Amino acid sequence: METMYQKLLGARFDILPEPIRAMHFGVRRATGRADIKRGTSLLAQLICRIARVPQSGEGVVVETAFTPIDNGERWTRSFNGEEFHTELRIANRGAEPELTESFGLLRFRLRMAVHEDGVDLIPEGVSMFGIGLPRFLCPEAVGLERVRDGKYRFDVSVCAPLAGELVSYSGWLVPVVESEQYITEA
């Protein structure tokens, strides 16, 4: 039985450092700390408010829940009790499965660059209502998963045309509750 990351990465999953593999091997909940920085432009502040992006802060308590859904997982992130969630799914668009992440009306297509240091989630396109947006209108979200001091680390940056940086957050997580693996249907 394979997890979402195992299905997406195949043999490349085994290249990842142990704390990253462990985080994506049936973990249901993880906790840690994060530093959050919201964008400062008026448009960025408006977008963040509408999207319910957490407030800026250092050493913020973070909890992430990973819930299995059809073809993927729902990631519910809580920063000091402020929740937002995205849905990550496996999409079969070509020879290799692809990762999509949905947030509100937006769906991001992400390429997963895997190397011995971790995973880079690189935007490949954005759609709204199933219609691809032209590159110059696309918000861009880049995510990195790494290991430092033996801990799973994340670093996410989101920016948008005209608004600039919307939010960036980085920190660490450790698994809290591990349960049986689950299967995602591809």
C-alpha atoms as a PDB file:
ATOM      1  CA  MET A   1       0.000   0.000   0.000  1.00  0.00           C
ATOM      2  CA  GLU A   2       1.489   3.298  -1.104  1.00  0.00           C
ATOM      3  CA  THR A   3       1.034   6.814   0.223  1.00  0.00           C
ATOM      4  CA  MET A   4       0.465   9.800  -2.063  1.00  0.00           C
ATOM      5  CA  TYR A   5       4.162  10.759  -2.171  1.00  0.00           C
ATOM      6  CA  GLN A   6       5.199   7.168  -2.828  1.00  0.00           C
ATOM      7  CA  LYS A   7       2.806   6.970  -5.785  1.00  0.00           C
ATOM      8  CA  LEU A   8       3.959  10.308  -7.142  1.00  0.00           C
ATOM      9  CA  LEU A   9       7.667   9.687  -6.733  1.00  0.00           C
ATOM     10  CA  GLY A  10       7.997   5.947  -7.258  1.00  0.00           C
ATOM     11  CA  ALA A  11      11.611   4.829  -6.698  1.00  0.00           C
ATOM     12  CA  ARG A  12      12.638   8.475  -6.147  1.00  0.00           C
ATOM     13  CA  PHE A  13      10.862   8.341  -2.762  1.00  0.00           C
ATOM     14  CA  ASP A  14      13.748   6.249  -1.410  1.00  0.00           C
ATOM     15  CA  ILE A  15      16.254   9.029  -2.282  1.00  0.00           C
ATOM     16  CA  LEU A  16      14.667  11.387   0.257  1.00  0.00           C
ATOM     17  CA  PRO A  17      16.179  11.884   3.715  1.00  0.00           C
ATOM     18  CA  GLU A  18      14.526   9.752   6.419  1.00  0.00           C
ATOM     19  CA  PRO A  19      12.605  12.594   8.211  1.00  0.00           C
ATOM     20  CA  ILE A  20      10.962  13.591   4.900  1.00  0.00           C
ATOM     21  CA  ARG A  21      10.103   9.988   4.016  1.00  0.00           C
ATOM     22  CA  ALA A  22       8.681   9.515   7.523  1.00  0.00           C
ATOM     23  CA  MET A  23       6.521  12.665   7.221  1.00  0.00           C
ATOM     24  CA  HIS A  24       4.980  11.302   4.001  1.00  0.00           C
ATOM     25  CA  PHE A  25       4.559   7.691   5.107  1.00  0.00           C
ATOM     26  CA  GLY A  26       1.151   7.638   6.764  1.00  0.00           C
ATOM     27  CA  VAL A  27       1.581  10.476   9.291  1.00  0.00           C
ATOM     28  CA  ARG A  28      -1.800  12.001  10.132  1.00  0.00           C
ATOM     29  CA  ARG A  29      -0.708  14.941  12.296  1.00  0.00           C
ATOM     30  CA  ALA A  30       2.485  16.855  12.971  1.00  0.00           C
ATOM     31  CA  THR A  31       3.324  19.858  15.146  1.00  0.00           C
ATOM     32  CA  GLY A  32       6.117  22.393  15.287  1.00  0.00           C
ATOM     33  CA  ARG A  33       6.934  26.067  14.955  1.00  0.00           C
ATOM     34  CA  ALA A  34       6.996  28.512  12.047  1.00  0.00           C
ATOM     35  CA  ASP A  35       7.933  32.053  11.145  1.00  0.00           C
ATOM     36  CA  ILE A  36       5.276  33.738   8.998  1.00  0.00           C
ATOM     37  CA  LYS A  37       5.650  36.922   6.992  1.00  0.00           C
ATOM     38  CA  ARG A  38       2.692  38.438   5.168  1.00  0.00           C
ATOM     39  CA  GLY A  39       3.210  40.730   2.212  1.00  0.00           C
ATOM     40  CA  THR A  40       3.041  44.445   2.908  1.00  0.00           C
ATOM     41  CA  SER A  41       1.434  45.882  -0.231  1.00  0.00           C
ATOM     42  CA  LEU A  42      -2.220  46.902   0.095  1.00  0.00           C
ATOM     43  CA  LEU A  43      -3.229  44.344  -2.523  1.00  0.00           C
ATOM     44  CA  ALA A  44      -1.252  41.586  -0.755  1.00  0.00           C
ATOM     45  CA  GLN A  45      -2.911  42.476   2.554  1.00  0.00           C
ATOM     46  CA  LEU A  46      -6.361  42.357   0.938  1.00  0.00           C
ATOM     47  CA  ILE A  47      -5.687  38.997  -0.727  1.00  0.00           C
ATOM     48  CA  CYS A  48      -4.323  37.565   2.532  1.00  0.00           C
ATOM     49  CA  ARG A  49      -7.385  38.727   4.433  1.00  0.00           C
ATOM     50  CA  ILE A  50      -9.785  37.222   1.871  1.00  0.00           C
ATOM     51  CA  ALA A  51      -7.783  33.967   1.706  1.00  0.00           C
ATOM     52  CA  ARG A  52      -7.549  33.839   5.512  1.00  0.00           C
ATOM     53  CA  VAL A  53      -3.771  33.626   5.447  1.00  0.00           C
ATOM     54  CA  PRO A  54      -2.328  33.582   8.989  1.00  0.00           C
ATOM     55  CA  GLN A  55      -0.933  36.760  10.555  1.00  0.00           C
ATOM     56  CA  SER A  56       2.812  37.448  10.568  1.00  0.00           C
ATOM     57  CA  GLY A  57       4.693  36.094  13.554  1.00  0.00           C
ATOM     58  CA  GLU A  58       7.849  34.373  14.745  1.00  0.00           C
ATOM     59  CA  GLY A  59       7.927  31.023  16.510  1.00  0.00           C
ATOM     60  CA  VAL A  60       4.223  30.515  15.818  1.00  0.00           C
ATOM     61  CA  VAL A  61       2.780  27.173  16.943  1.00  0.00           C
ATOM     62  CA  VAL A  62       1.911  25.167  13.840  1.00  0.00           C
ATOM     63  CA  GLU A  63      -0.015  21.955  13.438  1.00  0.00           C
ATOM     64  CA  THR A  64      -0.619  20.181  10.161  1.00  0.00           C
ATOM     65  CA  ALA A  65      -3.169  17.423   9.694  1.00  0.00           C
ATOM     66  CA  PHE A  66      -2.912  15.103   6.692  1.00  0.00           C
ATOM     67  CA  THR A  67      -6.297  13.602   5.815  1.00  0.00           C
ATOM     68  CA  PRO A  68      -6.684  11.061   3.012  1.00  0.00           C
ATOM     69  CA  ILE A  69      -9.098  12.058   0.232  1.00  0.00           C
ATOM     70  CA  ASP A  70      -9.761  10.612  -3.236  1.00  0.00           C
ATOM     71  CA  ASN A  71      -6.447  10.582  -5.118  1.00  0.00           C
ATOM     72  CA  GLY A  72      -4.611  12.561  -2.461  1.00  0.00           C
ATOM     73  CA  GLU A  73      -4.610  14.356   0.857  1.00  0.00           C
ATOM     74  CA  ARG A  74      -6.157  17.402   2.504  1.00  0.00           C
ATOM     75  CA  TRP A  75      -3.520  19.355   4.409  1.00  0.00           C
ATOM     76  CA  THR A  76      -5.054  21.427   7.190  1.00  0.00           C
ATOM     77  CA  ARG A  77      -2.498  23.876   8.540  1.00  0.00           C
ATOM     78  CA  SER A  78      -3.126  25.666  11.807  1.00  0.00           C
ATOM     79  CA  PHE A  79      -0.936  28.605  12.775  1.00  0.00           C
ATOM     80  CA  ASN A  80      -1.747  29.750  16.337  1.00  0.00           C
ATOM     81  CA  GLY A  81      -5.229  28.345  15.815  1.00  0.00           C
ATOM     82  CA  GLU A  82      -5.791  30.082  12.439  1.00  0.00           C
ATOM     83  CA  GLU A  83      -6.621  27.282  10.013  1.00  0.00           C
ATOM     84  CA  PHE A  84      -6.458  27.019   6.284  1.00  0.00           C
ATOM     85  CA  HIS A  85      -6.409  23.946   4.115  1.00  0.00           C
ATOM     86  CA  THR A  86      -5.416  22.864   0.661  1.00  0.00           C
ATOM     87  CA  GLU A  87      -6.105  19.681  -1.234  1.00  0.00           C
ATOM     88  CA  LEU A  88      -3.228  17.867  -2.884  1.00  0.00           C
ATOM     89  CA  ARG A  89      -4.120  15.298  -5.514  1.00  0.00           C
ATOM     90  CA  ILE A  90      -2.465  13.003  -7.974  1.00  0.00           C
ATOM     91  CA  ALA A  91      -3.290  13.942 -11.558  1.00  0.00           C
ATOM     92  CA  ASN A  92      -2.374  11.792 -14.525  1.00  0.00           C
ATOM     93  CA  ARG A  93      -1.532  14.230 -17.310  1.00  0.00           C
ATOM     94  CA  GLY A  94       1.288  12.400 -19.045  1.00  0.00           C
ATOM     95  CA  ALA A  95       3.852   9.689 -18.597  1.00  0.00           C
ATOM     96  CA  GLU A  96       4.338  10.502 -14.909  1.00  0.00           C
ATOM     97  CA  PRO A  97       1.748  11.391 -12.297  1.00  0.00           C
ATOM     98  CA  GLU A  98       1.626  15.052 -11.354  1.00  0.00           C
ATOM     99  CA  LEU A  99       0.782  16.834  -8.113  1.00  0.00           C
ATOM    100  CA  THR A 100      -1.960  19.456  -7.988  1.00  0.00           C
ATOM    101  CA  GLU A 101      -2.739  21.663  -5.012  1.00  0.00           C
ATOM    102  CA  SER A 102      -6.098  23.403  -4.758  1.00  0.00           C
ATOM    103  CA  PHE A 103      -6.599  26.496  -2.652  1.00  0.00           C
ATOM    104  CA  GLY A 104      -9.977  28.166  -2.990  1.00  0.00           C
ATOM    105  CA  LEU A 105     -10.714  28.667  -6.681  1.00  0.00           C
ATOM    106  CA  LEU A 106      -7.096  28.149  -7.721  1.00  0.00           C
ATOM    107  CA  ARG A 107      -5.473  24.867  -8.704  1.00  0.00           C
ATOM    108  CA  PHE A 108      -1.683  24.788  -8.908  1.00  0.00           C
ATOM    109  CA  ARG A 109       0.132  22.178 -11.014  1.00  0.00           C
ATOM    110  CA  LEU A 110       3.407  21.346  -9.298  1.00  0.00           C
ATOM    111  CA  ARG A 111       6.526  19.570 -10.450  1.00  0.00           C
ATOM    112  CA  MET A 112       8.342  17.653  -7.747  1.00  0.00           C
ATOM    113  CA  ALA A 113      12.117  17.912  -8.037  1.00  0.00           C
ATOM    114  CA  VAL A 114      13.576  15.197  -5.823  1.00  0.00           C
ATOM    115  CA  HIS A 115      17.172  15.075  -4.653  1.00  0.00           C
ATOM    116  CA  GLU A 116      19.108  13.783  -1.664  1.00  0.00           C
ATOM    117  CA  ASP A 117      18.523  17.095   0.179  1.00  0.00           C
ATOM    118  CA  GLY A 118      14.730  16.912  -0.132  1.00  0.00           C
ATOM    119  CA  VAL A 119      11.877  17.953  -2.393  1.00  0.00           C
ATOM    120  CA  ASP A 120      11.277  21.175  -4.319  1.00  0.00           C
ATOM    121  CA  LEU A 121       7.654  21.842  -5.281  1.00  0.00           C
ATOM    122  CA  ILE A 122       7.879  23.997  -8.385  1.00  0.00           C
ATOM    123  CA  PRO A 123       4.852  25.655 -10.027  1.00  0.00           C
ATOM    124  CA  GLU A 124       4.110  24.554 -13.585  1.00  0.00           C
ATOM    125  CA  GLY A 125       0.770  26.279 -14.097  1.00  0.00           C
ATOM    126  CA  VAL A 126      -2.352  27.636 -12.428  1.00  0.00           C
ATOM    127  CA  SER A 127      -5.991  27.267 -13.361  1.00  0.00           C
ATOM    128  CA  MET A 128      -9.242  28.783 -12.134  1.00  0.00           C
ATOM    129  CA  PHE A 129     -12.569  27.071 -12.808  1.00  0.00           C
ATOM    130  CA  GLY A 130     -10.542  24.528 -14.825  1.00  0.00           C
ATOM    131  CA  ILE A 131      -9.218  27.204 -17.201  1.00  0.00           C
ATOM    132  CA  GLY A 132      -5.464  27.725 -17.364  1.00  0.00           C
ATOM    133  CA  LEU A 133      -4.359  31.253 -16.482  1.00  0.00           C
ATOM    134  CA  PRO A 134      -1.781  33.063 -18.608  1.00  0.00           C
ATOM    135  CA  ARG A 135       1.634  33.013 -16.918  1.00  0.00           C
ATOM    136  CA  PHE A 136       1.635  36.792 -16.314  1.00  0.00           C
ATOM    137  CA  LEU A 137      -1.546  36.462 -14.202  1.00  0.00           C
ATOM    138  CA  CYS A 138      -0.475  33.400 -12.233  1.00  0.00           C
ATOM    139  CA  PRO A 139       0.259  33.497  -8.551  1.00  0.00           C
ATOM    140  CA  GLU A 140       3.357  31.457  -7.821  1.00  0.00           C
ATOM    141  CA  ALA A 141       3.895  29.198  -4.829  1.00  0.00           C
ATOM    142  CA  VAL A 142       7.231  27.481  -4.271  1.00  0.00           C
ATOM    143  CA  GLY A 143       7.693  24.939  -1.507  1.00  0.00           C
ATOM    144  CA  LEU A 144      10.839  23.267  -0.220  1.00  0.00           C
ATOM    145  CA  GLU A 145      11.072  20.268   2.102  1.00  0.00           C
ATOM    146  CA  ARG A 146      14.452  19.745   3.774  1.00  0.00           C
ATOM    147  CA  VAL A 147      16.062  18.258   6.873  1.00  0.00           C
ATOM    148  CA  ARG A 148      18.142  20.314   9.278  1.00  0.00           C
ATOM    149  CA  ASP A 149      19.194  19.339  12.795  1.00  0.00           C
ATOM    150  CA  GLY A 150      17.442  16.012  12.227  1.00  0.00           C
ATOM    151  CA  LYS A 151      14.022  17.668  11.772  1.00  0.00           C
ATOM    152  CA  TYR A 152      11.658  17.933   8.834  1.00  0.00           C
ATOM    153  CA  ARG A 153      11.796  21.561   7.621  1.00  0.00           C
ATOM    154  CA  PHE A 154       9.503  23.442   5.240  1.00  0.00           C
ATOM    155  CA  ASP A 155       9.881  26.728   3.418  1.00  0.00           C
ATOM    156  CA  VAL A 156       6.977  28.146   1.383  1.00  0.00           C
ATOM    157  CA  SER A 157       6.785  31.387  -0.559  1.00  0.00           C
ATOM    158  CA  VAL A 158       3.702  32.703  -2.380  1.00  0.00           C
ATOM    159  CA  CYS A 159       3.673  35.782  -4.591  1.00  0.00           C
ATOM    160  CA  ALA A 160       1.235  37.224  -7.113  1.00  0.00           C
ATOM    161  CA  PRO A 161       1.364  39.668 -10.013  1.00  0.00           C
ATOM    162  CA  LEU A 162       0.731  43.270  -8.952  1.00  0.00           C
ATOM    163  CA  ALA A 163       0.624  42.264  -5.268  1.00  0.00           C
ATOM    164  CA  GLY A 164       4.181  40.962  -4.912  1.00  0.00           C
ATOM    165  CA  GLU A 165       4.886  38.675  -1.976  1.00  0.00           C
ATOM    166  CA  LEU A 166       1.652  37.442  -0.401  1.00  0.00           C
ATOM    167  CA  VAL A 167       3.093  35.259   2.330  1.00  0.00           C
ATOM    168  CA  SER A 168       6.151  33.237   3.181  1.00  0.00           C
ATOM    169  CA  TYR A 169       6.467  30.800   6.024  1.00  0.00           C
ATOM    170  CA  SER A 170       9.162  28.437   7.173  1.00  0.00           C
ATOM    171  CA  GLY A 171       9.650  26.161  10.119  1.00  0.00           C
ATOM    172  CA  TRP A 172       9.765  22.587  11.296  1.00  0.00           C
ATOM    173  CA  LEU A 173       7.379  19.744  12.052  1.00  0.00           C
ATOM    174  CA  VAL A 174       7.597  16.452  13.928  1.00  0.00           C
ATOM    175  CA  PRO A 175       5.028  13.660  13.626  1.00  0.00           C
ATOM    176  CA  VAL A 176       2.616  13.412  16.544  1.00  0.00           C
ATOM    177  CA  VAL A 177       0.262  10.628  15.587  1.00  0.00           C
ATOM    178  CA  GLU A 178       1.231   7.901  13.204  1.00  0.00           C
ATOM    179  CA  SER A 179      -1.349   5.457  11.991  1.00  0.00           C
ATOM    180  CA  GLU A 180      -1.589   2.806   9.356  1.00  0.00           C
ATOM    181  CA  GLN A 181      -0.683   3.717   5.833  1.00  0.00           C
ATOM    182  CA  TYR A 182      -3.527   4.538   3.537  1.00  0.00           C
ATOM    183  CA  ILE A 183      -4.048   4.109  -0.163  1.00  0.00           C
ATOM    184  CA  THR A 184      -4.720   6.935  -2.593  1.00  0.00           C
ATOM    185  CA  GLU A 185      -6.423   5.905  -5.788  1.00  0.00           C
ATOM    186  CA  ALA A 186      -4.665   7.189  -8.893  1.00  0.00           C
END
